[in-house]
C-alpha atoms as a PDB file:
ATOM      1  CA  MET A   1      30.370  26.490  -5.029  1.00  0.00           C
ATOM      2  CA  THR A   2      30.606  23.785  -2.376  1.00  0.00           C
ATOM      3  CA  ILE A   3      28.120  23.518   0.435  1.00  0.00           C
ATOM      4  CA  GLU A   4      28.621  22.102   3.892  1.00  0.00           C
ATOM      5  CA  ILE A   5      26.530  18.944   4.389  1.00  0.00           C
ATOM      6  CA  VAL A   6      25.207  18.328   7.898  1.00  0.00           C
ATOM      7  CA  SER A   7      25.490  14.702   8.980  1.00  0.00           C
ATOM      8  CA  VAL A   8      22.791  13.588  11.422  1.00  0.00           C
ATOM      9  CA  PRO A   9      21.933  10.231  13.004  1.00  0.00           C
ATOM     10  CA  SER A  10      18.668   8.470  12.173  1.00  0.00           C
ATOM     11  CA  ARG A  11      15.870   8.939  14.709  1.00  0.00           C
ATOM     12  CA  ARG A  12      12.232   7.997  15.336  1.00  0.00           C
ATOM     13  CA  ARG A  13      10.718  11.278  16.502  1.00  0.00           C
ATOM     14  CA  ALA A  14      10.451  14.732  14.973  1.00  0.00           C
ATOM     15  CA  LEU A  15      12.593  17.471  16.486  1.00  0.00           C
ATOM     16  CA  GLY A  16      11.651  21.125  16.979  1.00  0.00           C
ATOM     17  CA  PHE A  17      12.299  24.145  14.793  1.00  0.00           C
ATOM     18  CA  GLU A  18      15.022  25.359  17.180  1.00  0.00           C
ATOM     19  CA  VAL A  19      17.125  22.251  16.429  1.00  0.00           C
ATOM     20  CA  PHE A  20      16.505  22.670  12.691  1.00  0.00           C
ATOM     21  CA  GLU A  21      17.493  26.339  12.899  1.00  0.00           C
ATOM     22  CA  ARG A  22      20.718  25.538  14.763  1.00  0.00           C
ATOM     23  CA  ARG A  23      21.728  22.676  12.436  1.00  0.00           C
ATOM     24  CA  TYR A  24      20.910  24.129   9.029  1.00  0.00           C
ATOM     25  CA  GLY A  25      20.726  27.933   9.346  1.00  0.00           C
ATOM     26  CA  PRO A  26      17.585  29.003   7.439  1.00  0.00           C
ATOM     27  CA  VAL A  27      17.986  32.012   5.142  1.00  0.00           C
ATOM     28  CA  LEU A  28      15.483  34.669   6.199  1.00  0.00           C
ATOM     29  CA  GLY A  29      13.547  36.708   3.641  1.00  0.00           C
ATOM     30  CA  GLU A  30      12.897  40.434   3.613  1.00  0.00           C
ATOM     31  CA  ASP A  31      10.048  39.891   6.087  1.00  0.00           C
ATOM     32  CA  GLU A  32      12.482  38.151   8.511  1.00  0.00           C
ATOM     33  CA  GLN A  33      10.659  34.819   7.958  1.00  0.00           C
ATOM     34  CA  PRO A  34      12.217  31.614   6.573  1.00  0.00           C
ATOM     35  CA  LEU A  35       9.093  30.571   4.597  1.00  0.00           C
ATOM     36  CA  ARG A  36       9.139  31.086   0.825  1.00  0.00           C
ATOM     37  CA  PRO A  37       6.648  30.381  -1.981  1.00  0.00           C
ATOM     38  CA  TRP A  38       7.361  27.581  -4.458  1.00  0.00           C
ATOM     39  CA  ASP A  39       8.272  30.013  -7.252  1.00  0.00           C
ATOM     40  CA  ASP A  40      10.716  32.093  -5.189  1.00  0.00           C
ATOM     41  CA  ASP A  41      13.860  32.998  -7.181  1.00  0.00           C
ATOM     42  CA  LEU A  42      16.191  31.946  -4.327  1.00  0.00           C
ATOM     43  CA  VAL A  43      14.540  28.500  -4.196  1.00  0.00           C
ATOM     44  CA  ARG A  44      15.110  28.014  -7.938  1.00  0.00           C
ATOM     45  CA  ARG A  45      18.809  28.935  -7.955  1.00  0.00           C
ATOM     46  CA  THR A  46      19.822  27.227  -4.682  1.00  0.00           C
ATOM     47  CA  ASP A  47      21.511  23.835  -4.465  1.00  0.00           C
ATOM     48  CA  GLN A  48      18.849  21.133  -4.092  1.00  0.00           C
ATOM     49  CA  GLN A  49      20.327  19.898  -0.786  1.00  0.00           C
ATOM     50  CA  CYS A  50      19.682  23.288   0.805  1.00  0.00           C
ATOM     51  CA  VAL A  51      15.952  23.332  -0.004  1.00  0.00           C
ATOM     52  CA  TRP A  52      13.362  22.009   2.459  1.00  0.00           C
ATOM     53  CA  THR A  53       9.575  21.804   2.178  1.00  0.00           C
ATOM     54  CA  VAL A  54       7.086  22.566   4.931  1.00  0.00           C
ATOM     55  CA  VAL A  55       4.189  20.092   4.632  1.00  0.00           C
ATOM     56  CA  ASP A  56       0.901  19.772   6.488  1.00  0.00           C
ATOM     57  CA  CYS A  57       0.746  16.333   8.137  1.00  0.00           C
ATOM     58  CA  ASP A  58      -2.655  15.952   9.815  1.00  0.00           C
ATOM     59  CA  GLY A  59      -2.673  19.547  11.004  1.00  0.00           C
ATOM     60  CA  VAL A  60       0.991  19.604  12.075  1.00  0.00           C
ATOM     61  CA  LEU A  61       3.498  21.516   9.934  1.00  0.00           C
ATOM     62  CA  ARG A  62       6.655  19.457   9.380  1.00  0.00           C
ATOM     63  CA  ILE A  63       9.878  20.406   7.639  1.00  0.00           C
ATOM     64  CA  VAL A  64      11.166  17.678   5.315  1.00  0.00           C
ATOM     65  CA  PRO A  65      14.179  17.664   2.966  1.00  0.00           C
ATOM     66  CA  GLY A  66      13.869  18.346  -0.748  1.00  0.00           C
ATOM     67  CA  PHE A  67      11.014  19.308  -3.036  1.00  0.00           C
ATOM     68  CA  VAL A  68       7.713  17.773  -1.899  1.00  0.00           C
ATOM     69  CA  THR A  69       4.467  18.594  -3.708  1.00  0.00           C
ATOM     70  CA  VAL A  70       1.888  16.661  -1.659  1.00  0.00           C
ATOM     71  CA  ASN A  71       0.456  18.703   1.247  1.00  0.00           C
ATOM     72  CA  TYR A  72       2.867  21.511   0.327  1.00  0.00           C
ATOM     73  CA  PHE A  73       2.763  24.631   2.526  1.00  0.00           C
ATOM     74  CA  ALA A  74       6.041  26.535   1.851  1.00  0.00           C
ATOM     75  CA  ARG A  75       9.760  26.127   1.121  1.00  0.00           C
ATOM     76  CA  ILE A  76      12.759  26.924   3.324  1.00  0.00           C
ATOM     77  CA  VAL A  77      16.279  27.568   2.003  1.00  0.00           C
ATOM     78  CA  THR A  78      19.194  26.844   4.358  1.00  0.00           C
ATOM     79  CA  ARG A  79      22.886  27.732   4.489  1.00  0.00           C
ATOM     80  CA  ARG A  80      23.957  24.127   5.131  1.00  0.00           C
ATOM     81  CA  GLY A  81      22.723  21.135   3.159  1.00  0.00           C
ATOM     82  CA  TRP A  82      21.014  17.968   4.353  1.00  0.00           C
ATOM     83  CA  SER A  83      22.439  14.474   4.099  1.00  0.00           C
ATOM     84  CA  HIS A  84      20.488  11.538   2.685  1.00  0.00           C
ATOM     85  CA  VAL A  85      19.889  10.215   6.220  1.00  0.00           C
ATOM     86  CA  GLU A  86      17.283  12.981   6.624  1.00  0.00           C
ATOM     87  CA  PHE A  87      14.956  11.108   4.215  1.00  0.00           C
ATOM     88  CA  LEU A  88      14.713   8.343   6.847  1.00  0.00           C
ATOM     89  CA  ASN A  89      13.897  10.786   9.655  1.00  0.00           C
ATOM     90  CA  PRO A  90      10.389  12.100  10.488  1.00  0.00           C
ATOM     91  CA  GLY A  91      11.371  15.734   9.860  1.00  0.00           C
ATOM     92  CA  TYR A  92      11.186  18.758  12.138  1.00  0.00           C
ATOM     93  CA  VAL A  93       8.040  20.365  13.588  1.00  0.00           C
ATOM     94  CA  TYR A  94       7.640  23.960  12.405  1.00  0.00           C
END
């Protein structure tokens, strides 16, 4: 299975959840929410480039690419994958 990778430019500020939602297309759960626990079955069987982590950064929830364990809050699975440029960006505010 091939996934579409979203190419984004590098930036200095975090963007909002609406931009994240439009770019990557979060997969909603049964409760119509994108947030999933770390042991969710969908998280485990999804391509790594479609998994994001919501982390608590000084009281602000940010969405960052990949599997992060420090200040972990939840995971988000998306329909489109992230490119490696996202590691240089400050994430998205949830």
